[in-house]
């Protein structure tokens, strides 16, 4: 569970966008060059398992494999919070939450 604010921080998949005004893969606005290799030019967005140190979940202390997250998905679902920042996403008073 991720809130709307943190959804922008999530990694992007390296695929071409559907063409529309303001798309990332157009060339008119000084964007990506023609025949430019996206895999070589987007190193900052790419996941590297050897250099990334995984954080622990603040509740259950398991390793979180999502970069920038403080809570694992199971704990975020149980508590109804955002996995990245911890803000309330759902009101879970009337729910019977279980991640098993």
PDB file of N, CA and C in Angstrom:
ATOM      1  N   UNK A   1       0.844  -1.170   0.000  1.00  0.00           N
ATOM      2  CA  UNK A   1       0.000   0.000   0.000  1.00  0.00           C
ATOM      3  C   UNK A   1       0.890   1.234   0.000  1.00  0.00           C
ATOM      4  N   UNK A   2       0.676   2.096  -0.976  1.00  0.00           N
ATOM      5  CA  UNK A   2       1.452   3.320  -1.090  1.00  0.00           C
ATOM      6  C   UNK A   2       0.475   4.466  -1.296  1.00  0.00           C
ATOM      7  N   UNK A   3       0.730   5.595  -0.615  1.00  0.00           N
ATOM      8  CA  UNK A   3      -0.157   6.749  -0.749  1.00  0.00           C
ATOM      9  C   UNK A   3       0.098   7.451  -2.086  1.00  0.00           C
ATOM     10  N   UNK A   4      -0.764   8.411  -2.419  1.00  0.00           N
ATOM     11  CA  UNK A   4      -0.659   9.109  -3.698  1.00  0.00           C
ATOM     12  C   UNK A   4       0.633   9.911  -3.803  1.00  0.00           C
ATOM     13  N   UNK A   5       1.076  10.485  -2.685  1.00  0.00           N
ATOM     14  CA  UNK A   5       2.296  11.294  -2.696  1.00  0.00           C
ATOM     15  C   UNK A   5       3.524  10.431  -2.975  1.00  0.00           C
ATOM     16  N   UNK A   6       3.575   9.245  -2.388  1.00  0.00           N
ATOM     17  CA  UNK A   6       4.737   8.361  -2.545  1.00  0.00           C
ATOM     18  C   UNK A   6       4.689   7.560  -3.841  1.00  0.00           C
ATOM     19  N   UNK A   7       3.555   7.556  -4.524  1.00  0.00           N
ATOM     20  CA  UNK A   7       3.449   6.805  -5.769  1.00  0.00           C
ATOM     21  C   UNK A   7       4.379   7.381  -6.837  1.00  0.00           C
ATOM     22  N   UNK A   8       4.672   8.684  -6.745  1.00  0.00           N
ATOM     23  CA  UNK A   8       5.583   9.318  -7.696  1.00  0.00           C
ATOM     24  C   UNK A   8       7.023   8.865  -7.478  1.00  0.00           C
ATOM     25  N   UNK A   9       7.361   8.442  -6.257  1.00  0.00           N
ATOM     26  CA  UNK A   9       8.727   8.040  -5.934  1.00  0.00           C
ATOM     27  C   UNK A   9       9.053   6.628  -6.394  1.00  0.00           C
ATOM     28  N   UNK A  10       8.045   5.855  -6.769  1.00  0.00           N
ATOM     29  CA  UNK A  10       8.280   4.472  -7.172  1.00  0.00           C
ATOM     30  C   UNK A  10       9.100   4.416  -8.452  1.00  0.00           C
ATOM     31  N   UNK A  11       9.843   3.354  -8.649  1.00  0.00           N
ATOM     32  CA  UNK A  11      10.685   3.199  -9.831  1.00  0.00           C
ATOM     33  C   UNK A  11       9.857   3.094 -11.091  1.00  0.00           C
ATOM     34  N   UNK A  12      10.468   3.492 -12.195  1.00  0.00           N
ATOM     35  CA  UNK A  12       9.790   3.447 -13.480  1.00  0.00           C
ATOM     36  C   UNK A  12      10.307   2.251 -14.267  1.00  0.00           C
ATOM     37  N   UNK A  13       9.416   1.589 -14.980  1.00  0.00           N
ATOM     38  CA  UNK A  13       9.793   0.484 -15.844  1.00  0.00           C
ATOM     39  C   UNK A  13      10.293   1.083 -17.156  1.00  0.00           C
ATOM     40  N   UNK A  14      11.366   0.537 -17.700  1.00  0.00           N
ATOM     41  CA  UNK A  14      11.961   1.106 -18.907  1.00  0.00           C
ATOM     42  C   UNK A  14      11.239   0.547 -20.121  1.00  0.00           C
ATOM     43  N   UNK A  15      10.127   1.180 -20.469  1.00  0.00           N
ATOM     44  CA  UNK A  15       9.351   0.834 -21.650  1.00  0.00           C
ATOM     45  C   UNK A  15       8.895   2.132 -22.289  1.00  0.00           C
ATOM     46  N   UNK A  16       8.633   2.138 -23.578  1.00  0.00           N
ATOM     47  CA  UNK A  16       8.176   3.377 -24.209  1.00  0.00           C
ATOM     48  C   UNK A  16       6.761   3.721 -23.776  1.00  0.00           C
ATOM     49  N   UNK A  17       6.523   5.016 -23.607  1.00  0.00           N
ATOM     50  CA  UNK A  17       5.187   5.482 -23.250  1.00  0.00           C
ATOM     51  C   UNK A  17       4.302   5.483 -24.487  1.00  0.00           C
ATOM     52  N   UNK A  18       3.001   5.388 -24.260  1.00  0.00           N
ATOM     53  CA  UNK A  18       2.054   5.589 -25.339  1.00  0.00           C
ATOM     54  C   UNK A  18       2.158   7.054 -25.731  1.00  0.00           C
ATOM     55  N   UNK A  19       2.188   7.358 -27.039  1.00  0.00           N
ATOM     56  CA  UNK A  19       2.426   8.734 -27.449  1.00  0.00           C
ATOM     57  C   UNK A  19       1.259   9.612 -27.041  1.00  0.00           C
ATOM     58  N   UNK A  20       1.596  10.720 -26.435  1.00  0.00           N
ATOM     59  CA  UNK A  20       0.628  11.755 -26.088  1.00  0.00           C
ATOM     60  C   UNK A  20       1.420  13.016 -25.800  1.00  0.00           C
ATOM     61  N   UNK A  21       0.749  14.127 -25.660  1.00  0.00           N
ATOM     62  CA  UNK A  21       1.436  15.383 -25.371  1.00  0.00           C
ATOM     63  C   UNK A  21       2.065  15.290 -23.992  1.00  0.00           C
ATOM     64  N   UNK A  22       3.353  15.544 -23.901  1.00  0.00           N
ATOM     65  CA  UNK A  22       4.053  15.496 -22.626  1.00  0.00           C
ATOM     66  C   UNK A  22       4.590  14.132 -22.263  1.00  0.00           C
ATOM     67  N   UNK A  23       4.610  13.192 -23.195  1.00  0.00           N
ATOM     68  CA  UNK A  23       5.149  11.865 -22.904  1.00  0.00           C
ATOM     69  C   UNK A  23       6.662  11.949 -22.730  1.00  0.00           C
ATOM     70  N   UNK A  24       7.235  10.996 -21.999  1.00  0.00           N
ATOM     71  CA  UNK A  24       8.672  11.016 -21.727  1.00  0.00           C
ATOM     72  C   UNK A  24       9.501  10.636 -22.945  1.00  0.00           C
ATOM     73  N   UNK A  25       8.936   9.919 -23.902  1.00  0.00           N
ATOM     74  CA  UNK A  25       9.745   9.415 -25.011  1.00  0.00           C
ATOM     75  C   UNK A  25       9.586  10.230 -26.289  1.00  0.00           C
ATOM     76  N   UNK A  26       9.156  11.476 -26.207  1.00  0.00           N
ATOM     77  CA  UNK A  26       9.067  12.319 -27.386  1.00  0.00           C
ATOM     78  C   UNK A  26      10.347  13.122 -27.531  1.00  0.00           C
ATOM     79  N   UNK A  27      10.606  13.613 -28.737  1.00  0.00           N
ATOM     80  CA  UNK A  27      11.866  14.322 -28.985  1.00  0.00           C
ATOM     81  C   UNK A  27      11.677  15.818 -29.142  1.00  0.00           C
ATOM     82  N   UNK A  28      10.453  16.332 -29.205  1.00  0.00           N
ATOM     83  CA  UNK A  28      10.324  17.747 -29.483  1.00  0.00           C
ATOM     84  C   UNK A  28      10.734  18.642 -28.326  1.00  0.00           C
ATOM     85  N   UNK A  29      10.472  18.301 -27.108  1.00  0.00           N
ATOM     86  CA  UNK A  29      10.765  19.182 -25.982  1.00  0.00           C
ATOM     87  C   UNK A  29      12.165  19.022 -25.422  1.00  0.00           C
ATOM     88  N   UNK A  30      13.107  18.576 -26.214  1.00  0.00           N
ATOM     89  CA  UNK A  30      14.450  18.365 -25.699  1.00  0.00           C
ATOM     90  C   UNK A  30      14.540  17.130 -24.832  1.00  0.00           C
ATOM     91  N   UNK A  31      13.654  16.181 -25.055  1.00  0.00           N
ATOM     92  CA  UNK A  31      13.618  14.964 -24.249  1.00  0.00           C
ATOM     93  C   UNK A  31      14.655  13.958 -24.687  1.00  0.00           C
ATOM     94  N   UNK A  32      14.276  12.719 -24.810  1.00  0.00           N
ATOM     95  CA  UNK A  32      15.199  11.644 -25.161  1.00  0.00           C
ATOM     96  C   UNK A  32      15.583  11.738 -26.637  1.00  0.00           C
ATOM     97  N   UNK A  33      16.846  11.477 -26.928  1.00  0.00           N
ATOM     98  CA  UNK A  33      17.345  11.533 -28.303  1.00  0.00           C
ATOM     99  C   UNK A  33      16.856  10.317 -29.084  1.00  0.00           C
ATOM    100  N   UNK A  34      16.858  10.435 -30.384  1.00  0.00           N
ATOM    101  CA  UNK A  34      16.464   9.320 -31.238  1.00  0.00           C
ATOM    102  C   UNK A  34      17.562   8.260 -31.186  1.00  0.00           C
ATOM    103  N   UNK A  35      17.177   7.015 -31.122  1.00  0.00           N
ATOM    104  CA  UNK A  35      18.064   5.850 -31.047  1.00  0.00           C
ATOM    105  C   UNK A  35      18.945   5.858 -29.807  1.00  0.00           C
ATOM    106  N   UNK A  36      18.506   6.501 -28.745  1.00  0.00           N
ATOM    107  CA  UNK A  36      19.274   6.490 -27.497  1.00  0.00           C
ATOM    108  C   UNK A  36      18.896   5.244 -26.707  1.00  0.00           C
ATOM    109  N   UNK A  37      19.872   4.558 -26.180  1.00  0.00           N
ATOM    110  CA  UNK A  37      19.629   3.337 -25.429  1.00  0.00           C
ATOM    111  C   UNK A  37      19.181   3.700 -24.015  1.00  0.00           C
ATOM    112  N   UNK A  38      17.940   3.375 -23.678  1.00  0.00           N
ATOM    113  CA  UNK A  38      17.395   3.728 -22.368  1.00  0.00           C
ATOM    114  C   UNK A  38      18.061   2.950 -21.241  1.00  0.00           C
ATOM    115  N   UNK A  39      18.494   1.743 -21.523  1.00  0.00           N
ATOM    116  CA  UNK A  39      19.113   0.937 -20.472  1.00  0.00           C
ATOM    117  C   UNK A  39      20.455   1.506 -20.031  1.00  0.00           C
ATOM    118  N   UNK A  40      21.164   2.143 -20.939  1.00  0.00           N
ATOM    119  CA  UNK A  40      22.471   2.688 -20.595  1.00  0.00           C
ATOM    120  C   UNK A  40      22.386   4.074 -19.980  1.00  0.00           C
ATOM    121  N   UNK A  41      21.345   4.839 -20.309  1.00  0.00           N
ATOM    122  CA  UNK A  41      21.279   6.226 -19.852  1.00  0.00           C
ATOM    123  C   UNK A  41      20.471   6.408 -18.578  1.00  0.00           C
ATOM    124  N   UNK A  42      19.840   5.387 -18.073  1.00  0.00           N
ATOM    125  CA  UNK A  42      19.003   5.562 -16.880  1.00  0.00           C
ATOM    126  C   UNK A  42      19.559   4.774 -15.708  1.00  0.00           C
ATOM    127  N   UNK A  43      20.847   4.935 -15.421  1.00  0.00           N
ATOM    128  CA  UNK A  43      21.469   4.192 -14.326  1.00  0.00           C
ATOM    129  C   UNK A  43      20.946   4.629 -12.973  1.00  0.00           C
ATOM    130  N   UNK A  44      20.544   5.892 -12.839  1.00  0.00           N
ATOM    131  CA  UNK A  44      20.101   6.361 -11.527  1.00  0.00           C
ATOM    132  C   UNK A  44      18.768   5.742 -11.118  1.00  0.00           C
ATOM    133  N   UNK A  45      17.920   5.367 -12.082  1.00  0.00           N
ATOM    134  CA  UNK A  45      16.628   4.769 -11.762  1.00  0.00           C
ATOM    135  C   UNK A  45      16.695   3.254 -11.672  1.00  0.00           C
ATOM    136  N   UNK A  46      17.818   2.673 -12.091  1.00  0.00           N
ATOM    137  CA  UNK A  46      17.912   1.222 -12.153  1.00  0.00           C
ATOM    138  C   UNK A  46      18.220   0.632 -10.782  1.00  0.00           C
ATOM    139  N   UNK A  47      17.664  -0.523 -10.508  1.00  0.00           N
ATOM    140  CA  UNK A  47      17.878  -1.230  -9.252  1.00  0.00           C
ATOM    141  C   UNK A  47      19.167  -2.028  -9.334  1.00  0.00           C
ATOM    142  N   UNK A  48      20.017  -1.898  -8.342  1.00  0.00           N
ATOM    143  CA  UNK A  48      21.267  -2.643  -8.293  1.00  0.00           C
ATOM    144  C   UNK A  48      21.329  -3.387  -6.965  1.00  0.00           C
ATOM    145  N   UNK A  49      21.166  -4.721  -6.961  1.00  0.00           N
ATOM    146  CA  UNK A  49      21.119  -5.457  -5.696  1.00  0.00           C
ATOM    147  C   UNK A  49      22.446  -5.519  -4.966  1.00  0.00           C
ATOM    148  N   UNK A  50      23.557  -5.297  -5.656  1.00  0.00           N
ATOM    149  CA  UNK A  50      24.854  -5.392  -4.990  1.00  0.00           C
ATOM    150  C   UNK A  50      25.206  -4.132  -4.213  1.00  0.00           C
ATOM    151  N   UNK A  51      24.706  -2.976  -4.626  1.00  0.00           N
ATOM    152  CA  UNK A  51      25.068  -1.734  -3.949  1.00  0.00           C
ATOM    153  C   UNK A  51      23.990  -1.240  -2.999  1.00  0.00           C
ATOM    154  N   UNK A  52      22.773  -1.717  -3.145  1.00  0.00           N
ATOM    155  CA  UNK A  52      21.678  -1.231  -2.314  1.00  0.00           C
ATOM    156  C   UNK A  52      21.667  -1.957  -0.975  1.00  0.00           C
ATOM    157  N   UNK A  53      21.639  -1.208   0.099  1.00  0.00           N
ATOM    158  CA  UNK A  53      21.492  -1.790   1.429  1.00  0.00           C
ATOM    159  C   UNK A  53      20.004  -1.807   1.765  1.00  0.00           C
ATOM    160  N   UNK A  54      19.468  -2.981   2.028  1.00  0.00           N
ATOM    161  CA  UNK A  54      18.051  -3.094   2.328  1.00  0.00           C
ATOM    162  C   UNK A  54      17.797  -2.686   3.771  1.00  0.00           C
ATOM    163  N   UNK A  55      16.741  -1.902   3.973  1.00  0.00           N
ATOM    164  CA  UNK A  55      16.363  -1.479   5.319  1.00  0.00           C
ATOM    165  C   UNK A  55      15.502  -2.554   5.964  1.00  0.00           C
ATOM    166  N   UNK A  56      15.338  -2.435   7.276  1.00  0.00           N
ATOM    167  CA  UNK A  56      14.465  -3.350   8.006  1.00  0.00           C
ATOM    168  C   UNK A  56      13.113  -2.689   8.210  1.00  0.00           C
ATOM    169  N   UNK A  57      12.075  -3.515   8.276  1.00  0.00           N
ATOM    170  CA  UNK A  57      10.740  -3.024   8.589  1.00  0.00           C
ATOM    171  C   UNK A  57      10.752  -2.496  10.020  1.00  0.00           C
ATOM    172  N   UNK A  58      10.120  -1.361  10.231  1.00  0.00           N
ATOM    173  CA  UNK A  58      10.127  -0.749  11.559  1.00  0.00           C
ATOM    174  C   UNK A  58       9.248  -1.500  12.555  1.00  0.00           C
ATOM    175  N   UNK A  59       8.390  -2.385  12.080  1.00  0.00           N
ATOM    176  CA  UNK A  59       7.490  -3.115  12.971  1.00  0.00           C
ATOM    177  C   UNK A  59       7.999  -4.530  13.226  1.00  0.00           C
ATOM    178  N   UNK A  60       8.230  -5.303  12.167  1.00  0.00           N
ATOM    179  CA  UNK A  60       8.577  -6.718  12.341  1.00  0.00           C
ATOM    180  C   UNK A  60      10.057  -7.022  12.110  1.00  0.00           C
ATOM    181  N   UNK A  61      10.854  -6.056  11.712  1.00  0.00           N
ATOM    182  CA  UNK A  61      12.307  -6.175  11.532  1.00  0.00           C
ATOM    183  C   UNK A  61      12.739  -7.126  10.412  1.00  0.00           C
ATOM    184  N   UNK A  62      11.862  -7.394   9.446  1.00  0.00           N
ATOM    185  CA  UNK A  62      12.282  -8.172   8.282  1.00  0.00           C
ATOM    186  C   UNK A  62      12.867  -7.217   7.242  1.00  0.00           C
ATOM    187  N   UNK A  63      13.628  -7.748   6.299  1.00  0.00           N
ATOM    188  CA  UNK A  63      14.235  -6.921   5.261  1.00  0.00           C
ATOM    189  C   UNK A  63      13.164  -6.460   4.279  1.00  0.00           C
ATOM    190  N   UNK A  64      13.197  -5.177   3.940  1.00  0.00           N
ATOM    191  CA  UNK A  64      12.251  -4.596   2.992  1.00  0.00           C
ATOM    192  C   UNK A  64      12.976  -4.455   1.659  1.00  0.00           C
ATOM    193  N   UNK A  65      12.462  -5.097   0.607  1.00  0.00           N
ATOM    194  CA  UNK A  65      13.142  -5.116  -0.685  1.00  0.00           C
ATOM    195  C   UNK A  65      12.631  -4.050  -1.632  1.00  0.00           C
ATOM    196  N   UNK A  66      11.961  -3.034  -1.116  1.00  0.00           N
ATOM    197  CA  UNK A  66      11.520  -1.916  -1.937  1.00  0.00           C
ATOM    198  C   UNK A  66      12.313  -0.696  -1.498  1.00  0.00           C
ATOM    199  N   UNK A  67      13.047  -0.101  -2.417  1.00  0.00           N
ATOM    200  CA  UNK A  67      13.927   1.014  -2.089  1.00  0.00           C
ATOM    201  C   UNK A  67      13.088   2.204  -1.640  1.00  0.00           C
ATOM    202  N   UNK A  68      13.432   2.780  -0.494  1.00  0.00           N
ATOM    203  CA  UNK A  68      12.724   3.938   0.027  1.00  0.00           C
ATOM    204  C   UNK A  68      11.601   3.604   0.981  1.00  0.00           C
ATOM    205  N   UNK A  69      11.318   2.324   1.206  1.00  0.00           N
ATOM    206  CA  UNK A  69      10.226   1.939   2.094  1.00  0.00           C
ATOM    207  C   UNK A  69      10.744   1.673   3.501  1.00  0.00           C
ATOM    208  N   UNK A  70       9.917   2.013   4.482  1.00  0.00           N
ATOM    209  CA  UNK A  70      10.259   1.768   5.878  1.00  0.00           C
ATOM    210  C   UNK A  70       9.484   0.593   6.455  1.00  0.00           C
ATOM    211  N   UNK A  71       8.398   0.177   5.789  1.00  0.00           N
ATOM    212  CA  UNK A  71       7.548  -0.903   6.286  1.00  0.00           C
ATOM    213  C   UNK A  71       7.389  -1.956   5.199  1.00  0.00           C
ATOM    214  N   UNK A  72       7.312  -3.235   5.603  1.00  0.00           N
ATOM    215  CA  UNK A  72       7.058  -4.290   4.623  1.00  0.00           C
ATOM    216  C   UNK A  72       5.580  -4.237   4.215  1.00  0.00           C
ATOM    217  N   UNK A  73       5.243  -4.907   3.119  1.00  0.00           N
ATOM    218  CA  UNK A  73       3.875  -4.847   2.613  1.00  0.00           C
ATOM    219  C   UNK A  73       2.883  -5.502   3.568  1.00  0.00           C
ATOM    220  N   UNK A  74       3.304  -6.552   4.264  1.00  0.00           N
ATOM    221  CA  UNK A  74       2.403  -7.238   5.193  1.00  0.00           C
ATOM    222  C   UNK A  74       2.024  -6.325   6.356  1.00  0.00           C
ATOM    223  N   UNK A  75       3.006  -5.634   6.938  1.00  0.00           N
ATOM    224  CA  UNK A  75       2.720  -4.733   8.058  1.00  0.00           C
ATOM    225  C   UNK A  75       1.939  -3.507   7.598  1.00  0.00           C
ATOM    226  N   UNK A  76       2.255  -3.001   6.417  1.00  0.00           N
ATOM    227  CA  UNK A  76       1.535  -1.843   5.894  1.00  0.00           C
ATOM    228  C   UNK A  76       0.069  -2.189   5.644  1.00  0.00           C
ATOM    229  N   UNK A  77      -0.197  -3.406   5.167  1.00  0.00           N
ATOM    230  CA  UNK A  77      -1.569  -3.838   4.933  1.00  0.00           C
ATOM    231  C   UNK A  77      -2.321  -4.013   6.246  1.00  0.00           C
ATOM    232  N   UNK A  78      -1.669  -4.632   7.241  1.00  0.00           N
ATOM    233  CA  UNK A  78      -2.324  -4.859   8.533  1.00  0.00           C
ATOM    234  C   UNK A  78      -2.676  -3.555   9.227  1.00  0.00           C
ATOM    235  N   UNK A  79      -1.760  -2.591   9.178  1.00  0.00           N
ATOM    236  CA  UNK A  79      -1.965  -1.321   9.872  1.00  0.00           C
ATOM    237  C   UNK A  79      -2.738  -0.307   9.040  1.00  0.00           C
ATOM    238  N   UNK A  80      -2.847  -0.527   7.725  1.00  0.00           N
ATOM    239  CA  UNK A  80      -3.538   0.418   6.855  1.00  0.00           C
ATOM    240  C   UNK A  80      -2.731   1.678   6.612  1.00  0.00           C
ATOM    241  N   UNK A  81      -1.397   1.537   6.527  1.00  0.00           N
ATOM    242  CA  UNK A  81      -0.527   2.695   6.356  1.00  0.00           C
ATOM    243  C   UNK A  81       0.232   2.587   5.041  1.00  0.00           C
ATOM    244  N   UNK A  82       0.819   3.700   4.633  1.00  0.00           N
ATOM    245  CA  UNK A  82       1.670   3.731   3.453  1.00  0.00           C
ATOM    246  C   UNK A  82       2.980   3.031   3.788  1.00  0.00           C
ATOM    247  N   UNK A  83       3.475   2.177   2.903  1.00  0.00           N
ATOM    248  CA  UNK A  83       4.703   1.428   3.164  1.00  0.00           C
ATOM    249  C   UNK A  83       5.935   2.311   3.111  1.00  0.00           C
ATOM    250  N   UNK A  84       5.852   3.459   2.432  1.00  0.00           N
ATOM    251  CA  UNK A  84       7.027   4.314   2.285  1.00  0.00           C
ATOM    252  C   UNK A  84       7.119   5.382   3.366  1.00  0.00           C
ATOM    253  N   UNK A  85       6.013   6.053   3.678  1.00  0.00           N
ATOM    254  CA  UNK A  85       6.095   7.158   4.643  1.00  0.00           C
ATOM    255  C   UNK A  85       5.350   6.883   5.945  1.00  0.00           C
ATOM    256  N   UNK A  86       4.425   5.942   5.971  1.00  0.00           N
ATOM    257  CA  UNK A  86       3.743   5.580   7.201  1.00  0.00           C
ATOM    258  C   UNK A  86       2.468   6.347   7.488  1.00  0.00           C
ATOM    259  N   UNK A  87       1.982   7.156   6.554  1.00  0.00           N
ATOM    260  CA  UNK A  87       0.736   7.883   6.787  1.00  0.00           C
ATOM    261  C   UNK A  87      -0.453   6.938   6.628  1.00  0.00           C
ATOM    262  N   UNK A  88      -1.553   7.250   7.295  1.00  0.00           N
ATOM    263  CA  UNK A  88      -2.758   6.424   7.232  1.00  0.00           C
ATOM    264  C   UNK A  88      -3.356   6.478   5.833  1.00  0.00           C
ATOM    265  N   UNK A  89      -3.637   5.308   5.277  1.00  0.00           N
ATOM    266  CA  UNK A  89      -4.259   5.214   3.968  1.00  0.00           C
ATOM    267  C   UNK A  89      -5.688   4.708   4.103  1.00  0.00           C
ATOM    268  N   UNK A  90      -5.905   3.777   5.033  1.00  0.00           N
ATOM    269  CA  UNK A  90      -7.223   3.183   5.241  1.00  0.00           C
ATOM    270  C   UNK A  90      -7.654   3.325   6.690  1.00  0.00           C
ATOM    271  N   UNK A  91      -8.954   3.412   6.897  1.00  0.00           N
ATOM    272  CA  UNK A  91      -9.508   3.332   8.243  1.00  0.00           C
ATOM    273  C   UNK A  91      -9.845   1.862   8.480  1.00  0.00           C
ATOM    274  N   UNK A  92      -9.082   1.202   9.350  1.00  0.00           N
ATOM    275  CA  UNK A  92      -9.186  -0.260   9.490  1.00  0.00           C
ATOM    276  C   UNK A  92      -9.946  -0.685  10.740  1.00  0.00           C
ATOM    277  N   UNK A  93     -10.698   0.210  11.337  1.00  0.00           N
ATOM    278  CA  UNK A  93     -11.401  -0.152  12.580  1.00  0.00           C
ATOM    279  C   UNK A  93     -12.427  -1.252  12.369  1.00  0.00           C
ATOM    280  N   UNK A  94     -13.101  -1.254  11.221  1.00  0.00           N
ATOM    281  CA  UNK A  94     -14.148  -2.255  10.998  1.00  0.00           C
ATOM    282  C   UNK A  94     -13.660  -3.439  10.160  1.00  0.00           C
ATOM    283  N   UNK A  95     -12.360  -3.489   9.848  1.00  0.00           N
ATOM    284  CA  UNK A  95     -11.816  -4.579   9.048  1.00  0.00           C
ATOM    285  C   UNK A  95     -11.230  -5.664   9.931  1.00  0.00           C
ATOM    286  N   UNK A  96     -11.217  -6.888   9.402  1.00  0.00           N
ATOM    287  CA  UNK A  96     -10.513  -7.990  10.045  1.00  0.00           C
ATOM    288  C   UNK A  96      -9.262  -8.241   9.208  1.00  0.00           C
ATOM    289  N   UNK A  97      -8.181  -7.518   9.523  1.00  0.00           N
ATOM    290  CA  UNK A  97      -6.974  -7.548   8.708  1.00  0.00           C
ATOM    291  C   UNK A  97      -6.149  -8.796   8.993  1.00  0.00           C
ATOM    292  N   UNK A  98      -5.697  -9.438   7.943  1.00  0.00           N
ATOM    293  CA  UNK A  98      -4.822 -10.596   8.059  1.00  0.00           C
ATOM    294  C   UNK A  98      -3.957 -10.655   6.816  1.00  0.00           C
ATOM    295  N   UNK A  99      -2.669 -10.871   7.008  1.00  0.00           N
ATOM    296  CA  UNK A  99      -1.777 -10.972   5.850  1.00  0.00           C
ATOM    297  C   UNK A  99      -1.388 -12.413   5.578  1.00  0.00           C
ATOM    298  N   UNK A 100      -1.920 -13.354   6.318  1.00  0.00           N
ATOM    299  CA  UNK A 100      -1.561 -14.764   6.134  1.00  0.00           C
ATOM    300  C   UNK A 100      -2.426 -15.416   5.085  1.00  0.00           C
TER     301      UNK A 100
END
